[in-house]
Amino acid sequence: MGFRFRKSVKLAPGVKVNFGKKGASVTVGNKYARTTIGKGRRTNSVSLPGTGISYSTQTTKRKKRPQRVAYESTNNIDANISQNIQEVEKHNAYINMLTSVHLEVEDNVDWHAIAGEDLSYLLNEGPNVKSVLDEAANYKPTWRDKLFNRVNARKMMIEEKLPEAREFDMALHQKKGRLKDIASGILNGDSKMWTNALIEYAPFEDIEDFGCKLNFNIQNNELIVNFTVGNKEVVPIDTLNLTATNKVSRKKMSATNYLALYQDYVCSCVIRIAREVFAIIPIDTVLIHVYDFSQAEPLPKMGCILSTRVNRMDIENLQFEDIDCSDTIETFEHNMKYLKTKGFKLVEELK
């Protein structure tokens, strides 16, 4: 089990900033009702005091690919299905998720709309404040409220949400303000804002969850993405199947199949990276370097195993559901040496 880092700093009553390994988030509310925003995601949690019952919902702009949803759903235990069947289904769903990374992408960002948005409404009556005010205006006491003389108490409970709602609208104002600054820079040709935009949208969270690392730099007005795979265990070395008696049969995957799966995973990630970059930043090319241990060397060395320059037009013309990611990479400008029985060799980075 790996170590986890998390720290919270209280800014005001009911408002705190959380710092974790994956970045920062803001939580508004108390232990019974709270909202957390961070990395393009918003989580609402409610619990009933003294019952142990809680409910949580999460909203995000991104629409997850079906393969990712299918894998995440295997974490839910189904009492009507045997544990062995669920284990095999989870294994197969995981492999499908690894080879479908390229199917998920951020919506195209309209920087003109962001730059022109008037944010003053968030300081006066933002969406969260308006929601509370509407709840108060539409409140109709039940006969129980009247019977037990708790009408005023119910109204006060609604009004007590206003400070939290204002704090959340303020956090939203700050986030949108950062995006406006980025939009202004991007529209004025400031390439330094490209990395700020990628950091703000954080579109590679699921890739990073596998232990991968991404960083960005700019040379000669070209965006360069350095992608370190960093965890060879992300690709399973075994195959799982059910026997005729519904037992799990675990066998080591052949070297050829394992290496092919690893190549498909890496190439799927590269195509995903290019798609995300083009969705967020108005540029025509991106240079991507992939780093990992060479598999085809007698003594594996860490270095560049794939370097490719991807053009926007090449990506836009693809039917992503039908492509073979490894074959597709070979249609781009690239350096990649891959041997079917040995895997990746180190290559020089494109300039």
Protein backbone atom coordinates (compact mmCIF):
# COMPACT_ATOMS: atom_id res chain seq x y z
CA MET A 1 0.00 0.00 0.00
CA GLY A 2 1.41 3.40 -0.98
CA PHE A 3 1.59 6.40 1.29
CA ARG A 4 -1.00 9.13 0.86
CA PHE A 5 -0.57 12.81 1.59
CA ARG A 6 -3.47 15.06 2.43
CA LYS A 7 -3.63 18.31 4.38
CA SER A 8 -6.49 20.74 4.93
CA VAL A 9 -6.21 24.44 5.72
CA LYS A 10 -9.22 26.28 7.12
CA LEU A 11 -9.82 29.62 5.40
CA ALA A 12 -13.08 30.61 7.06
CA PRO A 13 -15.92 28.95 8.94
CA GLY A 14 -17.15 26.16 6.68
CA VAL A 15 -14.44 26.73 4.04
CA LYS A 16 -11.15 24.86 3.72
CA VAL A 17 -8.54 24.10 1.08
CA ASN A 18 -7.37 20.50 0.71
CA PHE A 19 -3.87 19.71 -0.52
CA GLY A 20 -3.23 16.20 -1.80
CA LYS A 21 -0.91 14.30 -4.10
CA LYS A 22 -3.08 15.10 -7.12
CA GLY A 23 -3.51 18.81 -6.40
CA ALA A 24 -5.71 21.18 -4.44
CA SER A 25 -9.46 21.36 -3.93
CA VAL A 26 -11.87 23.56 -2.00
CA THR A 27 -14.49 22.22 0.41
CA VAL A 28 -17.44 24.34 1.46
CA GLY A 29 -19.89 23.20 4.16
CA ASN A 30 -19.90 21.08 7.28
CA LYS A 31 -19.75 17.39 8.09
CA TYR A 32 -23.45 16.95 7.24
CA ALA A 33 -23.56 18.86 3.93
CA ARG A 34 -20.55 19.89 1.89
CA THR A 35 -19.35 20.54 -1.64
CA THR A 36 -15.81 19.93 -2.88
CA ILE A 37 -14.46 21.35 -6.13
CA GLY A 38 -11.15 20.59 -7.74
CA LYS A 39 -9.63 19.50 -11.05
CA GLY A 40 -12.80 20.18 -12.98
CA ARG A 41 -14.85 18.01 -10.64
CA ARG A 42 -17.55 18.87 -8.13
CA THR A 43 -18.65 16.49 -5.37
CA ASN A 44 -21.76 17.06 -3.25
CA SER A 45 -22.08 15.04 -0.01
CA VAL A 46 -24.96 14.87 2.45
CA SER A 47 -25.29 12.79 5.63
CA LEU A 48 -28.06 12.34 8.16
CA PRO A 49 -26.89 13.01 11.73
CA GLY A 50 -26.99 10.00 14.02
CA THR A 51 -27.93 7.53 11.27
CA GLY A 52 -24.66 6.70 9.54
CA ILE A 53 -26.45 7.26 6.22
CA SER A 54 -24.69 9.41 3.63
CA TYR A 55 -25.10 10.27 -0.02
CA SER A 56 -22.56 11.61 -2.46
CA THR A 57 -22.82 12.72 -6.08
CA GLN A 58 -20.07 13.80 -8.42
CA THR A 59 -20.38 15.98 -11.49
CA THR A 60 -17.74 16.74 -14.07
CA LYS A 61 -17.60 18.17 -17.59
CA ARG A 62 -15.88 15.07 -18.90
CA LYS A 63 -17.90 12.18 -20.23
CA LYS A 64 -16.07 8.98 -19.34
CA ARG A 65 -15.50 6.42 -22.05
CA PRO A 66 -17.76 3.34 -21.79
CA GLN A 67 -14.78 1.06 -21.10
CA ARG A 68 -13.77 3.15 -18.10
CA VAL A 69 -17.32 3.17 -16.78
CA ALA A 70 -17.55 -0.60 -17.26
CA TYR A 71 -14.34 -1.17 -15.29
CA GLU A 72 -15.37 1.16 -12.46
CA SER A 73 -18.72 -0.63 -12.23
CA THR A 74 -16.91 -3.91 -11.51
CA ASN A 75 -15.93 -2.44 -8.13
CA ASN A 76 -19.58 -2.85 -7.10
CA ILE A 77 -20.07 -6.31 -5.65
CA ASP A 78 -23.08 -8.17 -7.07
CA ALA A 79 -24.35 -10.78 -4.61
CA ASN A 80 -26.10 -12.60 -7.48
CA ILE A 81 -22.85 -13.27 -9.35
CA SER A 82 -20.07 -15.52 -8.09
CA GLN A 83 -16.82 -13.95 -6.93
CA ASN A 84 -14.87 -15.88 -9.59
CA ILE A 85 -17.02 -14.54 -12.42
CA GLN A 86 -16.67 -11.00 -11.10
CA GLU A 87 -12.88 -11.39 -10.83
CA VAL A 88 -12.60 -12.45 -14.48
CA GLU A 89 -14.99 -9.72 -15.64
CA LYS A 90 -12.99 -7.11 -13.76
CA HIS A 91 -9.73 -8.34 -15.29
CA ASN A 92 -11.13 -8.21 -18.83
CA ALA A 93 -12.74 -4.81 -18.25
CA TYR A 94 -9.40 -3.50 -17.01
CA ILE A 95 -7.62 -4.59 -20.19
CA ASN A 96 -10.34 -2.97 -22.31
CA MET A 97 -9.87 0.25 -20.33
CA LEU A 98 -6.10 0.23 -20.92
CA THR A 99 -6.50 0.03 -24.69
CA SER A 100 -9.27 2.64 -24.92
CA VAL A 101 -7.56 5.60 -23.22
CA HIS A 102 -7.68 7.54 -26.50
CA LEU A 103 -11.51 7.46 -26.65
CA GLU A 104 -11.98 9.99 -23.83
CA VAL A 105 -11.37 13.71 -24.38
CA GLU A 106 -12.24 17.14 -23.03
CA ASP A 107 -14.85 19.22 -24.86
CA ASN A 108 -13.28 21.82 -27.15
CA VAL A 109 -12.55 24.99 -25.18
CA ASP A 110 -14.01 28.24 -26.53
CA TRP A 111 -11.44 30.78 -25.34
CA HIS A 112 -13.32 33.68 -26.98
CA ALA A 113 -16.41 32.87 -24.91
CA ILE A 114 -14.33 32.54 -21.74
CA ALA A 115 -12.54 35.83 -22.36
CA GLY A 116 -15.82 37.65 -22.95
CA GLU A 117 -17.78 36.24 -20.01
CA ASP A 118 -19.02 38.77 -17.45
CA LEU A 119 -18.29 37.36 -13.98
CA SER A 120 -19.93 40.11 -11.93
CA TYR A 121 -23.03 37.94 -11.36
CA LEU A 122 -20.94 35.57 -9.25
CA LEU A 123 -20.16 38.38 -6.80
CA ASN A 124 -23.79 39.41 -6.45
CA GLU A 125 -26.17 36.52 -6.96
CA GLY A 126 -24.29 33.54 -8.30
CA PRO A 127 -25.86 30.17 -9.13
CA ASN A 128 -25.42 28.76 -5.63
CA VAL A 129 -26.78 31.84 -3.87
CA LYS A 130 -29.65 31.95 -6.34
CA SER A 131 -30.42 28.30 -5.64
CA VAL A 132 -30.70 28.99 -1.89
CA LEU A 133 -32.79 32.11 -2.45
CA ASP A 134 -35.11 30.20 -4.76
CA GLU A 135 -35.44 27.45 -2.16
CA ALA A 136 -36.36 30.04 0.46
CA ALA A 137 -38.85 31.78 -1.86
CA ASN A 138 -40.52 28.52 -2.82
CA TYR A 139 -40.62 27.09 0.68
CA LYS A 140 -44.09 25.97 1.63
CA PRO A 141 -44.52 24.74 5.21
CA THR A 142 -46.09 21.35 5.62
CA TRP A 143 -48.89 20.71 8.06
CA ARG A 144 -46.33 19.04 10.33
CA ASP A 145 -44.19 22.21 10.29
CA LYS A 146 -47.23 24.24 11.28
CA LEU A 147 -48.38 21.71 13.86
CA PHE A 148 -45.02 21.59 15.62
CA ASN A 149 -44.40 25.33 15.22
CA ARG A 150 -41.17 24.87 13.25
CA VAL A 151 -41.85 27.09 10.21
CA ASN A 152 -39.35 29.73 11.31
CA ALA A 153 -36.78 27.07 12.12
CA ARG A 154 -37.14 25.61 8.61
CA LYS A 155 -36.68 29.05 7.06
CA MET A 156 -33.59 29.68 9.17
CA MET A 157 -32.11 26.34 8.08
CA ILE A 158 -32.46 27.43 4.46
CA GLU A 159 -31.00 30.89 5.11
CA GLU A 160 -28.03 29.35 6.95
CA LYS A 161 -26.92 27.88 3.62
CA LEU A 162 -26.29 31.37 2.17
CA PRO A 163 -22.76 31.91 3.58
CA GLU A 164 -21.65 28.55 2.18
CA ALA A 165 -23.30 29.30 -1.15
CA ARG A 166 -21.51 32.67 -1.36
CA GLU A 167 -18.17 31.03 -0.60
CA PHE A 168 -18.72 28.50 -3.34
CA ASP A 169 -19.69 31.22 -5.82
CA MET A 170 -16.54 33.10 -4.80
CA ALA A 171 -14.42 29.99 -5.46
CA LEU A 172 -16.12 29.65 -8.85
CA HIS A 173 -15.42 33.33 -9.55
CA GLN A 174 -11.74 32.82 -8.79
CA LYS A 175 -11.52 29.77 -11.04
CA LYS A 176 -13.28 31.54 -13.90
CA GLY A 177 -11.06 34.57 -13.32
CA ARG A 178 -7.96 32.42 -13.80
CA LEU A 179 -9.45 31.03 -17.01
CA LYS A 180 -10.17 34.57 -18.27
CA ASP A 181 -6.53 35.50 -17.70
CA ILE A 182 -5.43 32.37 -19.55
CA ALA A 183 -7.90 33.08 -22.37
CA SER A 184 -6.57 36.61 -22.77
CA GLY A 185 -3.01 35.33 -22.99
CA ILE A 186 -3.84 32.55 -25.44
CA LEU A 187 -5.84 34.84 -27.73
CA ASN A 188 -2.96 37.33 -27.67
CA GLY A 189 -0.48 34.67 -28.74
CA ASP A 190 1.22 34.11 -25.37
CA SER A 191 2.43 30.52 -25.64
CA LYS A 192 3.36 30.51 -21.94
CA MET A 193 -0.36 30.25 -21.21
CA TRP A 194 -0.59 26.87 -22.96
CA THR A 195 0.84 25.02 -19.97
CA ASN A 196 -1.36 27.06 -17.60
CA ALA A 197 -4.42 25.93 -19.55
CA LEU A 198 -3.42 22.26 -19.37
CA ILE A 199 -2.74 22.53 -15.66
CA GLU A 200 -6.09 24.27 -15.05
CA TYR A 201 -8.14 21.68 -16.96
CA ALA A 202 -6.04 18.72 -15.71
CA PRO A 203 -7.29 16.37 -18.46
CA PHE A 204 -4.91 13.48 -17.75
CA GLU A 205 -6.02 12.46 -14.27
CA ASP A 206 -6.96 8.89 -15.19
CA ILE A 207 -3.59 8.39 -16.94
CA GLU A 208 -1.75 9.73 -13.91
CA ASP A 209 -3.74 7.36 -11.71
CA PHE A 210 -1.76 4.54 -13.33
CA GLY A 211 1.47 6.05 -11.97
CA CYS A 212 2.36 7.95 -15.14
CA LYS A 213 3.74 11.48 -15.12
CA LEU A 214 3.32 14.31 -17.62
CA ASN A 215 5.06 17.65 -17.85
CA PHE A 216 5.03 20.35 -20.47
CA ASN A 217 7.50 22.80 -21.92
CA ILE A 218 7.70 25.08 -24.93
CA GLN A 219 10.56 25.35 -27.39
CA ASN A 220 10.54 27.46 -30.54
CA ASN A 221 6.83 28.17 -30.01
CA GLU A 222 6.02 24.44 -30.03
CA LEU A 223 4.40 22.57 -27.14
CA ILE A 224 6.36 19.54 -25.96
CA VAL A 225 4.73 16.91 -23.74
CA ASN A 226 7.05 14.60 -21.81
CA PHE A 227 5.14 11.45 -20.85
CA THR A 228 6.79 9.03 -18.43
CA VAL A 229 5.01 5.68 -18.24
CA GLY A 230 6.78 4.90 -14.98
CA ASN A 231 4.91 1.77 -13.92
CA LYS A 232 5.29 -1.40 -15.95
CA GLU A 233 2.87 -3.18 -13.63
CA VAL A 234 0.01 -1.17 -15.09
CA VAL A 235 -0.26 -3.84 -17.80
CA PRO A 236 -1.15 -7.28 -16.37
CA ILE A 237 1.15 -10.20 -17.08
CA ASP A 238 -1.56 -12.85 -16.61
CA THR A 239 -4.70 -13.90 -18.42
CA LEU A 240 -7.78 -14.94 -16.47
CA ASN A 241 -10.46 -17.33 -17.67
CA LEU A 242 -13.23 -19.41 -16.14
CA THR A 243 -13.02 -23.19 -16.24
CA ALA A 244 -16.00 -25.43 -16.93
CA THR A 245 -16.52 -25.63 -13.16
CA ASN A 246 -16.49 -21.82 -12.81
CA LYS A 247 -13.04 -21.69 -11.23
CA VAL A 248 -10.53 -19.01 -12.15
CA SER A 249 -7.75 -20.19 -14.43
CA ARG A 250 -4.74 -17.84 -14.23
CA LYS A 251 -1.99 -18.25 -16.81
CA LYS A 252 0.99 -16.11 -17.66
CA MET A 253 0.40 -14.10 -20.81
CA SER A 254 2.72 -14.93 -23.68
CA ALA A 255 5.56 -12.46 -24.12
CA THR A 256 4.27 -11.48 -27.57
CA ASN A 257 0.77 -10.75 -26.31
CA TYR A 258 2.04 -8.86 -23.27
CA LEU A 259 4.34 -6.65 -25.35
CA ALA A 260 1.59 -5.99 -27.91
CA LEU A 261 -0.79 -5.00 -25.12
CA TYR A 262 1.85 -2.72 -23.62
CA GLN A 263 2.48 -1.05 -26.96
CA ASP A 264 -1.24 -0.55 -27.54
CA TYR A 265 -1.59 1.02 -24.09
CA VAL A 266 1.32 3.41 -24.64
CA CYS A 267 0.11 4.42 -28.10
CA SER A 268 -3.47 4.84 -26.86
CA CYS A 269 -2.17 7.25 -24.21
CA VAL A 270 -0.18 9.21 -26.80
CA ILE A 271 -3.22 9.67 -29.04
CA ARG A 272 -5.25 10.72 -26.01
CA ILE A 273 -2.60 13.29 -25.06
CA ALA A 274 -2.70 14.77 -28.55
CA ARG A 275 -6.51 14.92 -28.54
CA GLU A 276 -6.60 16.66 -25.17
CA VAL A 277 -3.99 19.20 -26.24
CA PHE A 278 -5.89 20.08 -29.41
CA ALA A 279 -9.20 20.31 -27.53
CA ILE A 280 -7.78 22.78 -25.02
CA ILE A 281 -5.11 24.73 -26.91
CA PRO A 282 -5.53 26.32 -30.39
CA ILE A 283 -2.31 24.94 -31.88
CA ASP A 284 -1.71 22.81 -34.98
CA THR A 285 1.04 20.44 -33.79
CA VAL A 286 2.28 18.88 -30.57
CA LEU A 287 5.53 17.01 -29.95
CA ILE A 288 5.22 14.07 -27.54
CA HIS A 289 8.12 12.16 -26.02
CA VAL A 290 7.43 8.91 -24.17
CA TYR A 291 9.90 7.64 -21.55
CA ASP A 292 10.12 4.16 -20.09
CA PHE A 293 12.58 1.33 -19.58
CA SER A 294 13.61 -0.25 -22.85
CA GLN A 295 12.27 -3.78 -23.04
CA ALA A 296 14.41 -5.02 -25.92
CA GLU A 297 17.80 -4.27 -24.31
CA PRO A 298 19.77 -6.95 -22.39
CA LEU A 299 19.97 -4.49 -19.51
CA PRO A 300 16.85 -2.27 -19.58
CA LYS A 301 17.66 1.45 -19.53
CA MET A 302 15.36 4.39 -18.91
CA GLY A 303 15.00 6.62 -21.94
CA CYS A 304 12.83 7.68 -24.85
CA ILE A 305 10.90 4.76 -26.37
CA LEU A 306 8.63 6.83 -28.62
CA SER A 307 8.81 10.34 -30.02
CA THR A 308 6.09 11.66 -32.31
CA ARG A 309 4.92 14.96 -33.74
CA VAL A 310 1.16 14.93 -34.19
CA ASN A 311 -0.73 17.31 -36.49
CA ARG A 312 -4.22 18.47 -35.65
CA MET A 313 -5.53 17.54 -39.10
CA ASP A 314 -4.21 13.98 -38.72
CA ILE A 315 -6.14 13.59 -35.47
CA GLU A 316 -9.35 15.21 -36.66
CA ASN A 317 -9.67 12.79 -39.59
CA LEU A 318 -9.50 9.64 -37.45
CA GLN A 319 -12.39 7.36 -36.53
CA PHE A 320 -11.15 6.66 -33.01
CA GLU A 321 -13.44 3.70 -32.30
CA ASP A 322 -12.02 1.80 -35.27
CA ILE A 323 -8.29 2.51 -35.16
CA ASP A 324 -5.38 0.36 -34.05
CA CYS A 325 -3.42 2.84 -31.92
CA SER A 326 -0.02 1.26 -32.55
CA ASP A 327 -0.55 1.28 -36.32
CA THR A 328 -1.91 4.82 -36.19
CA ILE A 329 1.22 6.19 -34.50
CA GLU A 330 3.24 4.91 -37.46
CA THR A 331 1.26 7.22 -39.78
CA PHE A 332 2.59 10.26 -37.88
CA GLU A 333 6.10 11.65 -37.92
CA HIS A 334 7.74 9.42 -35.31
CA ASN A 335 10.71 7.55 -33.94
CA MET A 336 9.74 4.15 -32.54
CA LYS A 337 11.57 0.84 -32.61
CA TYR A 338 9.34 -1.97 -31.48
CA LEU A 339 10.13 -5.67 -31.84
CA LYS A 340 7.20 -8.08 -31.54
CA THR A 341 9.12 -10.57 -29.41
CA LYS A 342 11.26 -8.09 -27.44
CA GLY A 343 9.31 -4.83 -27.11
CA PHE A 344 10.49 -1.22 -27.19
CA LYS A 345 14.05 -0.11 -27.89
CA LEU A 346 15.37 3.35 -27.07
CA VAL A 347 15.14 5.96 -29.82
CA GLU A 348 16.26 9.54 -30.37
CA GLU A 349 13.83 12.35 -29.63
CA LEU A 350 12.47 14.24 -32.61
CA LYS A 351 13.68 17.82 -32.86
